[in-house]
C-alpha atoms as a PDB file:
ATOM      1  CA  MET A   1     123.041 204.772  68.536  1.00  0.00           C
ATOM      2  CA  THR A   2     120.060 204.964  65.921  1.00  0.00           C
ATOM      3  CA  ARG A   3     116.716 203.106  65.750  1.00  0.00           C
ATOM      4  CA  HIS A   4     118.436 200.949  63.005  1.00  0.00           C
ATOM      5  CA  ASP A   5     121.458 200.427  65.001  1.00  0.00           C
ATOM      6  CA  ASP A   6     118.904 199.400  68.130  1.00  0.00           C
ATOM      7  CA  ALA A   7     116.869 197.113  65.582  1.00  0.00           C
ATOM      8  CA  PHE A   8     120.433 195.482  64.839  1.00  0.00           C
ATOM      9  CA  VAL A   9     121.523 194.949  68.341  1.00  0.00           C
ATOM     10  CA  ARG A  10     118.075 193.619  69.278  1.00  0.00           C
ATOM     11  CA  TYR A  11     118.802 191.087  66.409  1.00  0.00           C
ATOM     12  CA  LEU A  12     122.037 190.265  67.515  1.00  0.00           C
ATOM     13  CA  ARG A  13     120.599 189.117  70.656  1.00  0.00           C
ATOM     14  CA  SER A  14     118.046 187.025  69.073  1.00  0.00           C
ATOM     15  CA  LYS A  15     120.516 184.785  67.109  1.00  0.00           C
ATOM     16  CA  GLU A  16     122.313 183.756  70.080  1.00  0.00           C
ATOM     17  CA  SER A  17     120.063 181.267  71.170  1.00  0.00           C
ATOM     18  CA  VAL A  18     119.855 180.376  67.221  1.00  0.00           C
ATOM     19  CA  ASP A  19     123.261 180.157  66.747  1.00  0.00           C
ATOM     20  CA  ASP A  20     123.964 178.269  69.967  1.00  0.00           C
ATOM     21  CA  ARG A  21     121.950 175.384  68.329  1.00  0.00           C
ATOM     22  CA  ALA A  22     123.531 175.434  65.105  1.00  0.00           C
ATOM     23  CA  LEU A  23     127.082 175.691  65.651  1.00  0.00           C
ATOM     24  CA  HIS A  24     128.967 172.313  64.544  1.00  0.00           C
ATOM     25  CA  ARG A  25     129.927 170.756  68.018  1.00  0.00           C
ATOM     26  CA  PRO A  26     132.557 168.467  66.719  1.00  0.00           C
ATOM     27  CA  THR A  27     134.534 171.071  64.862  1.00  0.00           C
ATOM     28  CA  LEU A  28     133.680 173.429  68.326  1.00  0.00           C
ATOM     29  CA  ALA A  29     135.264 170.300  70.398  1.00  0.00           C
ATOM     30  CA  ASP A  30     138.033 170.003  67.976  1.00  0.00           C
ATOM     31  CA  LEU A  31     139.189 173.722  68.372  1.00  0.00           C
ATOM     32  CA  GLY A  32     138.977 173.009  72.333  1.00  0.00           C
ATOM     33  CA  ASP A  33     140.981 170.270  72.192  1.00  0.00           C
ATOM     34  CA  ARG A  34     144.109 171.876  70.190  1.00  0.00           C
ATOM     35  CA  LEU A  35     143.554 175.066  72.537  1.00  0.00           C
ATOM     36  CA  GLU A  36     144.558 172.858  75.490  1.00  0.00           C
ATOM     37  CA  ASP A  37     147.331 171.333  73.348  1.00  0.00           C
ATOM     38  CA  HIS A  38     148.780 174.813  72.539  1.00  0.00           C
ATOM     39  CA  ALA A  39     148.350 175.773  76.252  1.00  0.00           C
ATOM     40  CA  GLU A  40     150.782 172.705  77.382  1.00  0.00           C
ATOM     41  CA  SER A  41     153.172 173.588  74.616  1.00  0.00           C
ATOM     42  CA  ASN A  42     153.279 177.240  75.655  1.00  0.00           C
ATOM     43  CA  PRO A  43     152.939 177.049  79.205  1.00  0.00           C
ATOM     44  CA  GLY A  44     152.724 180.620  80.740  1.00  0.00           C
ATOM     45  CA  GLU A  45     151.813 182.264  77.806  1.00  0.00           C
ATOM     46  CA  PRO A  46     148.353 184.380  77.191  1.00  0.00           C
ATOM     47  CA  LEU A  47     146.211 182.859  74.319  1.00  0.00           C
ATOM     48  CA  ARG A  48     146.087 186.107  71.841  1.00  0.00           C
ATOM     49  CA  VAL A  49     142.535 185.841  70.045  1.00  0.00           C
ATOM     50  CA  VAL A  50     141.008 188.653  67.481  1.00  0.00           C
ATOM     51  CA  SER A  51     137.055 188.197  66.765  1.00  0.00           C
ATOM     52  CA  VAL A  52     135.856 190.265  63.524  1.00  0.00           C
ATOM     53  CA  GLY A  53     132.204 191.271  63.032  1.00  0.00           C
ATOM     54  CA  ALA A  54     132.247 190.753  67.043  1.00  0.00           C
ATOM     55  CA  GLY A  55     128.860 192.644  67.513  1.00  0.00           C
ATOM     56  CA  THR A  56     128.279 192.566  71.001  1.00  0.00           C
ATOM     57  CA  GLY A  57     130.643 189.591  71.780  1.00  0.00           C
ATOM     58  CA  ALA A  58     128.407 186.783  71.959  1.00  0.00           C
ATOM     59  CA  MET A  59     130.996 184.348  70.574  1.00  0.00           C
ATOM     60  CA  CYS A  60     133.488 185.675  73.389  1.00  0.00           C
ATOM     61  CA  ARG A  61     131.108 184.987  76.423  1.00  0.00           C
ATOM     62  CA  ARG A  62     129.874 181.883  74.894  1.00  0.00           C
ATOM     63  CA  LEU A  63     133.297 179.998  74.250  1.00  0.00           C
ATOM     64  CA  LEU A  64     134.141 181.360  77.743  1.00  0.00           C
ATOM     65  CA  SER A  65     131.014 179.688  79.180  1.00  0.00           C
ATOM     66  CA  TRP A  66     131.535 176.330  76.951  1.00  0.00           C
ATOM     67  CA  GLY A  67     135.203 175.837  78.438  1.00  0.00           C
ATOM     68  CA  VAL A  68     136.798 176.153  75.010  1.00  0.00           C
ATOM     69  CA  PHE A  69     139.137 178.392  76.532  1.00  0.00           C
ATOM     70  CA  ASP A  70     139.253 176.476  79.896  1.00  0.00           C
ATOM     71  CA  ALA A  71     143.095 175.700  79.243  1.00  0.00           C
ATOM     72  CA  HIS A  72     144.281 179.000  79.357  1.00  0.00           C
ATOM     73  CA  ASP A  73     144.426 181.533  82.393  1.00  0.00           C
ATOM     74  CA  ASP A  74     145.542 184.518  80.376  1.00  0.00           C
ATOM     75  CA  ILE A  75     143.549 185.495  77.245  1.00  0.00           C
ATOM     76  CA  LYS A  76     144.082 188.716  75.460  1.00  0.00           C
ATOM     77  CA  TYR A  77     140.923 188.852  73.323  1.00  0.00           C
ATOM     78  CA  VAL A  78     140.286 191.973  70.865  1.00  0.00           C
ATOM     79  CA  MET A  79     136.966 192.315  69.280  1.00  0.00           C
ATOM     80  CA  VAL A  80     136.823 194.089  66.066  1.00  0.00           C
ATOM     81  CA  ASP A  81     133.416 195.809  64.584  1.00  0.00           C
ATOM     82  CA  ARG A  82     132.946 198.598  62.021  1.00  0.00           C
ATOM     83  CA  ARG A  83     129.711 199.899  63.559  1.00  0.00           C
ATOM     84  CA  LYS A  84     129.654 202.697  65.658  1.00  0.00           C
ATOM     85  CA  GLY A  85     128.319 202.199  69.536  1.00  0.00           C
ATOM     86  CA  MET A  86     128.927 198.470  69.193  1.00  0.00           C
ATOM     87  CA  ALA A  87     131.675 198.619  71.818  1.00  0.00           C
ATOM     88  CA  ASP A  88     129.341 200.356  74.181  1.00  0.00           C
ATOM     89  CA  GLN A  89     126.737 197.447  73.732  1.00  0.00           C
ATOM     90  CA  ALA A  90     129.631 194.835  74.241  1.00  0.00           C
ATOM     91  CA  ALA A  91     130.482 196.445  77.290  1.00  0.00           C
ATOM     92  CA  LYS A  92     127.223 196.258  78.670  1.00  0.00           C
ATOM     93  CA  ALA A  93     126.124 192.886  77.711  1.00  0.00           C
ATOM     94  CA  PHE A  94     129.921 191.638  79.356  1.00  0.00           C
ATOM     95  CA  ALA A  95     129.154 193.482  82.635  1.00  0.00           C
ATOM     96  CA  LYS A  96     125.705 192.015  83.078  1.00  0.00           C
ATOM     97  CA  TRP A  97     127.162 188.584  81.914  1.00  0.00           C
ATOM     98  CA  SER A  98     130.204 188.688  84.099  1.00  0.00           C
ATOM     99  CA  HIS A  99     128.147 189.343  87.202  1.00  0.00           C
ATOM    100  CA  ALA A 100     126.006 186.648  86.632  1.00  0.00           C
ATOM    101  CA  ALA A 101     129.335 184.236  85.720  1.00  0.00           C
ATOM    102  CA  GLY A 102     130.995 185.048  88.692  1.00  0.00           C
ATOM    103  CA  TRP A 103     133.686 187.057  87.146  1.00  0.00           C
ATOM    104  CA  SER A 104     134.910 190.463  88.371  1.00  0.00           C
ATOM    105  CA  ALA A 105     135.324 192.862  85.936  1.00  0.00           C
ATOM    106  CA  GLU A 106     136.547 196.394  85.718  1.00  0.00           C
ATOM    107  CA  PRO A 107     137.311 199.077  83.036  1.00  0.00           C
ATOM    108  CA  THR A 108     140.811 199.607  81.349  1.00  0.00           C
ATOM    109  CA  ARG A 109     142.192 202.519  79.276  1.00  0.00           C
ATOM    110  CA  ASP A 110     141.104 200.588  75.767  1.00  0.00           C
ATOM    111  CA  GLY A 111     138.403 198.060  77.388  1.00  0.00           C
ATOM    112  CA  PHE A 112     137.719 196.018  80.441  1.00  0.00           C
ATOM    113  CA  ARG A 113     139.300 193.070  81.975  1.00  0.00           C
ATOM    114  CA  ILE A 114     137.217 190.358  83.873  1.00  0.00           C
ATOM    115  CA  GLU A 115     139.024 187.724  86.290  1.00  0.00           C
ATOM    116  CA  ARG A 116     137.682 184.836  88.238  1.00  0.00           C
ATOM    117  CA  HIS A 117     139.552 182.179  89.893  1.00  0.00           C
ATOM    118  CA  GLY A 118     143.068 183.584  88.962  1.00  0.00           C
ATOM    119  CA  ARG A 119     141.945 183.233  85.265  1.00  0.00           C
ATOM    120  CA  ARG A 120     142.338 186.736  83.676  1.00  0.00           C
ATOM    121  CA  VAL A 121     140.590 187.773  80.298  1.00  0.00           C
ATOM    122  CA  SER A 122     141.490 191.213  78.926  1.00  0.00           C
ATOM    123  CA  LEU A 123     138.966 192.465  76.430  1.00  0.00           C
ATOM    124  CA  THR A 124     140.001 195.312  74.044  1.00  0.00           C
ATOM    125  CA  TYR A 125     136.916 196.586  71.408  1.00  0.00           C
ATOM    126  CA  VAL A 126     138.183 198.417  67.940  1.00  0.00           C
ATOM    127  CA  THR A 127     135.908 200.165  66.022  1.00  0.00           C
ATOM    128  CA  SER A 128     137.205 199.509  62.531  1.00  0.00           C
ATOM    129  CA  ASP A 129     136.729 198.429  59.098  1.00  0.00           C
ATOM    130  CA  LEU A 130     138.596 194.662  59.335  1.00  0.00           C
ATOM    131  CA  PHE A 131     141.315 194.907  56.814  1.00  0.00           C
ATOM    132  CA  ASP A 132     142.226 198.489  58.563  1.00  0.00           C
ATOM    133  CA  ALA A 133     142.245 196.360  62.138  1.00  0.00           C
ATOM    134  CA  MET A 134     144.344 193.575  60.822  1.00  0.00           C
ATOM    135  CA  SER A 135     147.067 195.507  59.277  1.00  0.00           C
ATOM    136  CA  ALA A 136     147.697 197.425  62.515  1.00  0.00           C
ATOM    137  CA  LEU A 137     148.354 194.030  63.843  1.00  0.00           C
ATOM    138  CA  PRO A 138     151.395 192.277  64.384  1.00  0.00           C
ATOM    139  CA  LYS A 139     151.650 188.699  63.258  1.00  0.00           C
ATOM    140  CA  ALA A 140     151.458 187.350  66.704  1.00  0.00           C
ATOM    141  CA  LEU A 141     147.709 185.824  66.858  1.00  0.00           C
ATOM    142  CA  ASP A 142     147.264 182.374  67.658  1.00  0.00           C
ATOM    143  CA  LEU A 143     143.056 182.402  67.022  1.00  0.00           C
ATOM    144  CA  VAL A 144     141.168 184.905  64.500  1.00  0.00           C
ATOM    145  CA  ILE A 145     137.355 183.807  65.065  1.00  0.00           C
ATOM    146  CA  ALA A 146     135.462 185.160  61.929  1.00  0.00           C
ATOM    147  CA  HIS A 147     131.577 184.461  62.969  1.00  0.00           C
ATOM    148  CA  ALA A 148     129.287 185.045  60.157  1.00  0.00           C
ATOM    149  CA  VAL A 149     130.857 187.328  58.078  1.00  0.00           C
ATOM    150  CA  PHE A 150     132.939 185.851  54.963  1.00  0.00           C
ATOM    151  CA  ASP A 151     129.711 186.297  52.459  1.00  0.00           C
ATOM    152  CA  LEU A 152     129.825 189.826  53.288  1.00  0.00           C
ATOM    153  CA  LEU A 153     133.579 190.215  52.106  1.00  0.00           C
ATOM    154  CA  PRO A 154     135.662 189.289  49.377  1.00  0.00           C
ATOM    155  CA  LEU A 155     136.859 186.235  49.759  1.00  0.00           C
ATOM    156  CA  ARG A 156     140.276 185.670  49.146  1.00  0.00           C
ATOM    157  CA  ARG A 157     141.233 189.468  50.331  1.00  0.00           C
ATOM    158  CA  ALA A 158     139.650 188.469  53.563  1.00  0.00           C
ATOM    159  CA  VAL A 159     141.465 185.299  54.146  1.00  0.00           C
ATOM    160  CA  ASP A 160     144.765 186.822  53.261  1.00  0.00           C
ATOM    161  CA  SER A 161     144.452 189.568  55.835  1.00  0.00           C
ATOM    162  CA  LEU A 162     143.031 187.383  58.802  1.00  0.00           C
ATOM    163  CA  VAL A 163     145.551 184.400  57.883  1.00  0.00           C
ATOM    164  CA  SER A 164     148.603 186.864  57.769  1.00  0.00           C
ATOM    165  CA  ARG A 165     148.195 188.055  61.408  1.00  0.00           C
ATOM    166  CA  LEU A 166     148.728 184.156  62.606  1.00  0.00           C
ATOM    167  CA  VAL A 167     151.751 182.715  64.090  1.00  0.00           C
ATOM    168  CA  ASP A 168     152.609 179.235  62.719  1.00  0.00           C
ATOM    169  CA  GLY A 169     150.009 176.892  64.061  1.00  0.00           C
ATOM    170  CA  GLY A 170     147.558 179.322  64.666  1.00  0.00           C
ATOM    171  CA  TYR A 171     144.107 178.670  64.046  1.00  0.00           C
ATOM    172  CA  LEU A 172     141.274 180.726  62.000  1.00  0.00           C
ATOM    173  CA  TYR A 173     137.864 179.286  63.068  1.00  0.00           C
ATOM    174  CA  ALA A 174     134.722 180.427  61.164  1.00  0.00           C
ATOM    175  CA  PRO A 175     131.667 179.659  62.679  1.00  0.00           C
ATOM    176  CA  ILE A 176     128.194 180.652  60.841  1.00  0.00           C
ATOM    177  CA  THR A 177     129.350 180.904  57.306  1.00  0.00           C
ATOM    178  CA  PHE A 178     126.102 181.095  55.013  1.00  0.00           C
ATOM    179  CA  ASP A 179     126.408 178.572  52.111  1.00  0.00           C
ATOM    180  CA  GLY A 180     123.614 178.974  49.498  1.00  0.00           C
ATOM    181  CA  ARG A 181     120.122 177.927  50.553  1.00  0.00           C
ATOM    182  CA  THR A 182     117.324 180.034  52.175  1.00  0.00           C
ATOM    183  CA  ALA A 183     114.048 178.093  52.916  1.00  0.00           C
ATOM    184  CA  PHE A 184     110.930 179.429  54.310  1.00  0.00           C
ATOM    185  CA  ARG A 185     107.784 177.134  55.000  1.00  0.00           C
ATOM    186  CA  PRO A 186     105.020 176.819  54.320  1.00  0.00           C
ATOM    187  CA  SER A 187     106.134 177.509  50.670  1.00  0.00           C
ATOM    188  CA  HIS A 188     104.449 180.339  48.749  1.00  0.00           C
ATOM    189  CA  GLU A 189     104.300 180.723  44.942  1.00  0.00           C
ATOM    190  CA  ALA A 190     106.662 183.479  44.883  1.00  0.00           C
ATOM    191  CA  ASP A 191     109.259 181.501  47.073  1.00  0.00           C
ATOM    192  CA  ASP A 192     112.022 180.978  44.041  1.00  0.00           C
ATOM    193  CA  GLU A 193     111.643 184.616  42.532  1.00  0.00           C
ATOM    194  CA  VAL A 194     112.241 186.271  45.949  1.00  0.00           C
ATOM    195  CA  LEU A 195     114.861 184.111  47.303  1.00  0.00           C
ATOM    196  CA  ALA A 196     117.107 183.775  43.886  1.00  0.00           C
ATOM    197  CA  ALA A 197     116.926 187.784  44.061  1.00  0.00           C
ATOM    198  CA  TYR A 198     117.699 188.048  47.693  1.00  0.00           C
ATOM    199  CA  HIS A 199     120.670 185.506  46.848  1.00  0.00           C
ATOM    200  CA  GLU A 200     121.667 187.527  44.248  1.00  0.00           C
ATOM    201  CA  THR A 201     122.096 190.849  46.039  1.00  0.00           C
ATOM    202  CA  MET A 202     124.650 188.872  48.330  1.00  0.00           C
ATOM    203  CA  ARG A 203     126.739 188.719  45.179  1.00  0.00           C
ATOM    204  CA  ASP A 204     126.958 192.395  44.565  1.00  0.00           C
ATOM    205  CA  GLY A 205     130.408 193.924  44.201  1.00  0.00           C
ATOM    206  CA  ASP A 206     133.024 191.388  45.403  1.00  0.00           C
ATOM    207  CA  SER A 207     131.509 190.007  48.440  1.00  0.00           C
ATOM    208  CA  ALA A 208     132.194 186.270  48.504  1.00  0.00           C
ATOM    209  CA  GLY A 209     127.970 185.889  48.465  1.00  0.00           C
ATOM    210  CA  THR A 210     126.124 182.505  48.790  1.00  0.00           C
ATOM    211  CA  ASP A 211     129.058 179.933  47.826  1.00  0.00           C
ATOM    212  CA  ALA A 212     131.065 181.388  50.873  1.00  0.00           C
ATOM    213  CA  GLY A 213     131.142 178.218  52.998  1.00  0.00           C
ATOM    214  CA  ALA A 214     132.058 175.835  50.237  1.00  0.00           C
ATOM    215  CA  ASP A 215     134.592 178.125  48.485  1.00  0.00           C
ATOM    216  CA  LEU A 216     136.285 178.817  51.693  1.00  0.00           C
ATOM    217  CA  LEU A 217     137.190 175.080  52.066  1.00  0.00           C
ATOM    218  CA  SER A 218     139.465 175.937  48.847  1.00  0.00           C
ATOM    219  CA  VAL A 219     140.554 179.398  49.603  1.00  0.00           C
ATOM    220  CA  LEU A 220     142.140 178.795  52.881  1.00  0.00           C
ATOM    221  CA  PRO A 221     144.691 175.925  52.031  1.00  0.00           C
ATOM    222  CA  GLN A 222     145.742 178.746  48.975  1.00  0.00           C
ATOM    223  CA  PHE A 223     147.030 180.593  51.881  1.00  0.00           C
ATOM    224  CA  GLY A 224     148.691 178.399  53.820  1.00  0.00           C
ATOM    225  CA  ALA A 225     145.682 177.382  56.029  1.00  0.00           C
ATOM    226  CA  ASN A 226     144.713 173.674  56.321  1.00  0.00           C
ATOM    227  CA  VAL A 227     141.171 172.804  57.148  1.00  0.00           C
ATOM    228  CA  VAL A 228     141.277 170.457  60.109  1.00  0.00           C
ATOM    229  CA  SER A 229     137.795 170.127  61.241  1.00  0.00           C
ATOM    230  CA  ALA A 230     134.235 171.464  59.441  1.00  0.00           C
ATOM    231  CA  GLY A 231     130.764 170.805  59.288  1.00  0.00           C
ATOM    232  CA  GLY A 232     127.106 171.899  58.893  1.00  0.00           C
ATOM    233  CA  SER A 233     125.536 174.751  61.219  1.00  0.00           C
ATOM    234  CA  ASP A 234     122.482 175.536  59.635  1.00  0.00           C
ATOM    235  CA  TRP A 235     120.297 177.853  61.104  1.00  0.00           C
ATOM    236  CA  VAL A 236     116.819 176.374  61.842  1.00  0.00           C
ATOM    237  CA  VAL A 237     113.905 177.903  63.442  1.00  0.00           C
ATOM    238  CA  HIS A 238     110.147 176.349  63.648  1.00  0.00           C
ATOM    239  CA  PRO A 239     107.245 176.916  65.648  1.00  0.00           C
ATOM    240  CA  GLU A 240     106.982 176.942  68.577  1.00  0.00           C
ATOM    241  CA  HIS A 241     108.878 180.506  68.743  1.00  0.00           C
ATOM    242  CA  ASP A 242     109.857 181.694  71.712  1.00  0.00           C
ATOM    243  CA  GLY A 243     110.078 185.693  71.742  1.00  0.00           C
ATOM    244  CA  HIS A 244     114.097 185.992  70.846  1.00  0.00           C
ATOM    245  CA  GLU A 245     112.713 183.726  67.854  1.00  0.00           C
ATOM    246  CA  ARG A 246     110.562 186.075  66.651  1.00  0.00           C
ATOM    247  CA  VAL A 247     112.354 188.981  67.038  1.00  0.00           C
ATOM    248  CA  PHE A 248     115.249 187.277  64.872  1.00  0.00           C
ATOM    249  CA  LEU A 249     112.784 186.284  61.991  1.00  0.00           C
ATOM    250  CA  ASP A 250     111.076 189.261  61.934  1.00  0.00           C
ATOM    251  CA  ARG A 251     114.712 190.854  61.335  1.00  0.00           C
ATOM    252  CA  ILE A 252     115.404 188.265  58.709  1.00  0.00           C
ATOM    253  CA  LEU A 253     111.918 189.356  56.874  1.00  0.00           C
ATOM    254  CA  GLY A 254     113.482 192.626  57.105  1.00  0.00           C
ATOM    255  CA  PHE A 255     116.979 191.755  55.265  1.00  0.00           C
ATOM    256  CA  VAL A 256     114.831 190.293  52.469  1.00  0.00           C
ATOM    257  CA  GLU A 257     112.999 193.358  52.048  1.00  0.00           C
ATOM    258  CA  GLU A 258     115.680 195.743  52.333  1.00  0.00           C
ATOM    259  CA  SER A 259     117.615 193.679  49.821  1.00  0.00           C
ATOM    260  CA  VAL A 260     115.364 192.439  47.153  1.00  0.00           C
ATOM    261  CA  GLY A 261     113.039 195.919  47.117  1.00  0.00           C
ATOM    262  CA  GLY A 262     116.443 198.061  47.170  1.00  0.00           C
ATOM    263  CA  ALA A 263     117.348 195.769  44.237  1.00  0.00           C
ATOM    264  CA  GLU A 264     114.130 195.966  42.142  1.00  0.00           C
ATOM    265  CA  ALA A 265     114.869 192.369  40.788  1.00  0.00           C
ATOM    266  CA  VAL A 266     111.297 191.340  42.014  1.00  0.00           C
ATOM    267  CA  ASP A 267     108.171 193.801  41.119  1.00  0.00           C
ATOM    268  CA  ASP A 268     106.750 195.541  44.316  1.00  0.00           C
ATOM    269  CA  GLU A 269     103.181 193.919  44.223  1.00  0.00           C
ATOM    270  CA  THR A 270     104.955 190.542  44.554  1.00  0.00           C
ATOM    271  CA  LEU A 271     107.490 191.154  47.231  1.00  0.00           C
ATOM    272  CA  GLU A 272     104.498 192.994  49.193  1.00  0.00           C
ATOM    273  CA  ARG A 273     102.451 189.886  48.709  1.00  0.00           C
ATOM    274  CA  TRP A 274     105.221 187.810  49.785  1.00  0.00           C
ATOM    275  CA  LEU A 275     106.293 189.881  53.127  1.00  0.00           C
ATOM    276  CA  ALA A 276     102.457 190.337  53.910  1.00  0.00           C
ATOM    277  CA  THR A 277     102.284 186.422  53.832  1.00  0.00           C
ATOM    278  CA  ARG A 278     105.324 185.627  55.848  1.00  0.00           C
ATOM    279  CA  HIS A 279     104.936 188.459  58.363  1.00  0.00           C
ATOM    280  CA  GLN A 280     100.675 187.005  58.925  1.00  0.00           C
ATOM    281  CA  GLN A 281     102.643 183.083  59.287  1.00  0.00           C
ATOM    282  CA  LEU A 282     104.862 184.668  62.055  1.00  0.00           C
ATOM    283  CA  GLU A 283     101.828 186.362  63.595  1.00  0.00           C
ATOM    284  CA  ARG A 284      99.916 183.272  64.063  1.00  0.00           C
ATOM    285  CA  GLY A 285     103.118 181.123  64.839  1.00  0.00           C
ATOM    286  CA  THR A 286     103.277 178.844  61.675  1.00  0.00           C
ATOM    287  CA  LEU A 287     106.663 180.329  59.860  1.00  0.00           C
ATOM    288  CA  SER A 288     109.655 177.925  59.603  1.00  0.00           C
ATOM    289  CA  TYR A 289     113.208 179.110  58.328  1.00  0.00           C
ATOM    290  CA  ILE A 290     116.502 177.235  57.519  1.00  0.00           C
ATOM    291  CA  ALA A 291     119.520 178.725  56.069  1.00  0.00           C
ATOM    292  CA  HIS A 292     122.633 176.727  55.186  1.00  0.00           C
ATOM    293  CA  ASN A 293     125.552 177.494  57.038  1.00  0.00           C
ATOM    294  CA  VAL A 294     129.135 176.039  57.505  1.00  0.00           C
ATOM    295  CA  ASP A 295     131.487 175.858  60.411  1.00  0.00           C
ATOM    296  CA  VAL A 296     135.395 176.037  59.300  1.00  0.00           C
ATOM    297  CA  LEU A 297     138.738 175.504  61.332  1.00  0.00           C
ATOM    298  CA  ALA A 298     141.884 175.535  59.828  1.00  0.00           C
ATOM    299  CA  ARG A 299     145.444 175.680  61.090  1.00  0.00           C
ATOM    300  CA  LEU A 300     148.400 177.768  59.156  1.00  0.00           C
ATOM    301  CA  GLY A 301     151.135 175.711  58.375  1.00  0.00           C
END
């Protein structure tokens, strides 16, 4: 992987604990209850899951660790991500996690399999564009997970693609969907200018952008998927920062620099002054950050 990709992997690892705190627990609990009902209604059938924008597979490990999949003894789990090299990172992460969690692990032709106490999880990693990957799958999925991706995609097309692969009664779970607010504290005189430009870069092309979370609530029913649970899942990071949070905040500042600097919506001097102040605050351990997200669970049919 390139240095840029290495930095992104460090960011993914650093935000796992931030996501852990942010996830809307009532929506997650509802997902677990509904998957338990699914297991009772389909005895002996595997749970078929696809996760898009899967990264290193943190969401799969989280759902297994937190008991969301406990009602299922056989899980077929496909992870999709467009970044080359991410499959290797996921394999390393699962090897380390499975050993610590008491799962046995062995490689398979297109991924690996983990087992514990009679439960089996077959993991397949697909390096592909979301739309290409979904078009190649049959309409046979029980659950699609879209973790922190909808703001980066054309919303209606993405929803259509994901929902179209669900069986009737299947679920789409969209945690950490960005919804329009970013804030840093202490405040800075250039906050409004810099953050308005940052949000505007999210609207480039046909991406859903800053309103993805709210828009998802109205777009899903248009494709036959009724929202059954939803709630806020804000990222909140404040002093004192641990090591992971410092990496996370540094990368968030990097995203602002890359997007706003590339768009040239803010003059260089203003952006450089804003960034210098924020990095100084991060170094001193005084920087706070909030981003507003929404978790959504919808059922097809």
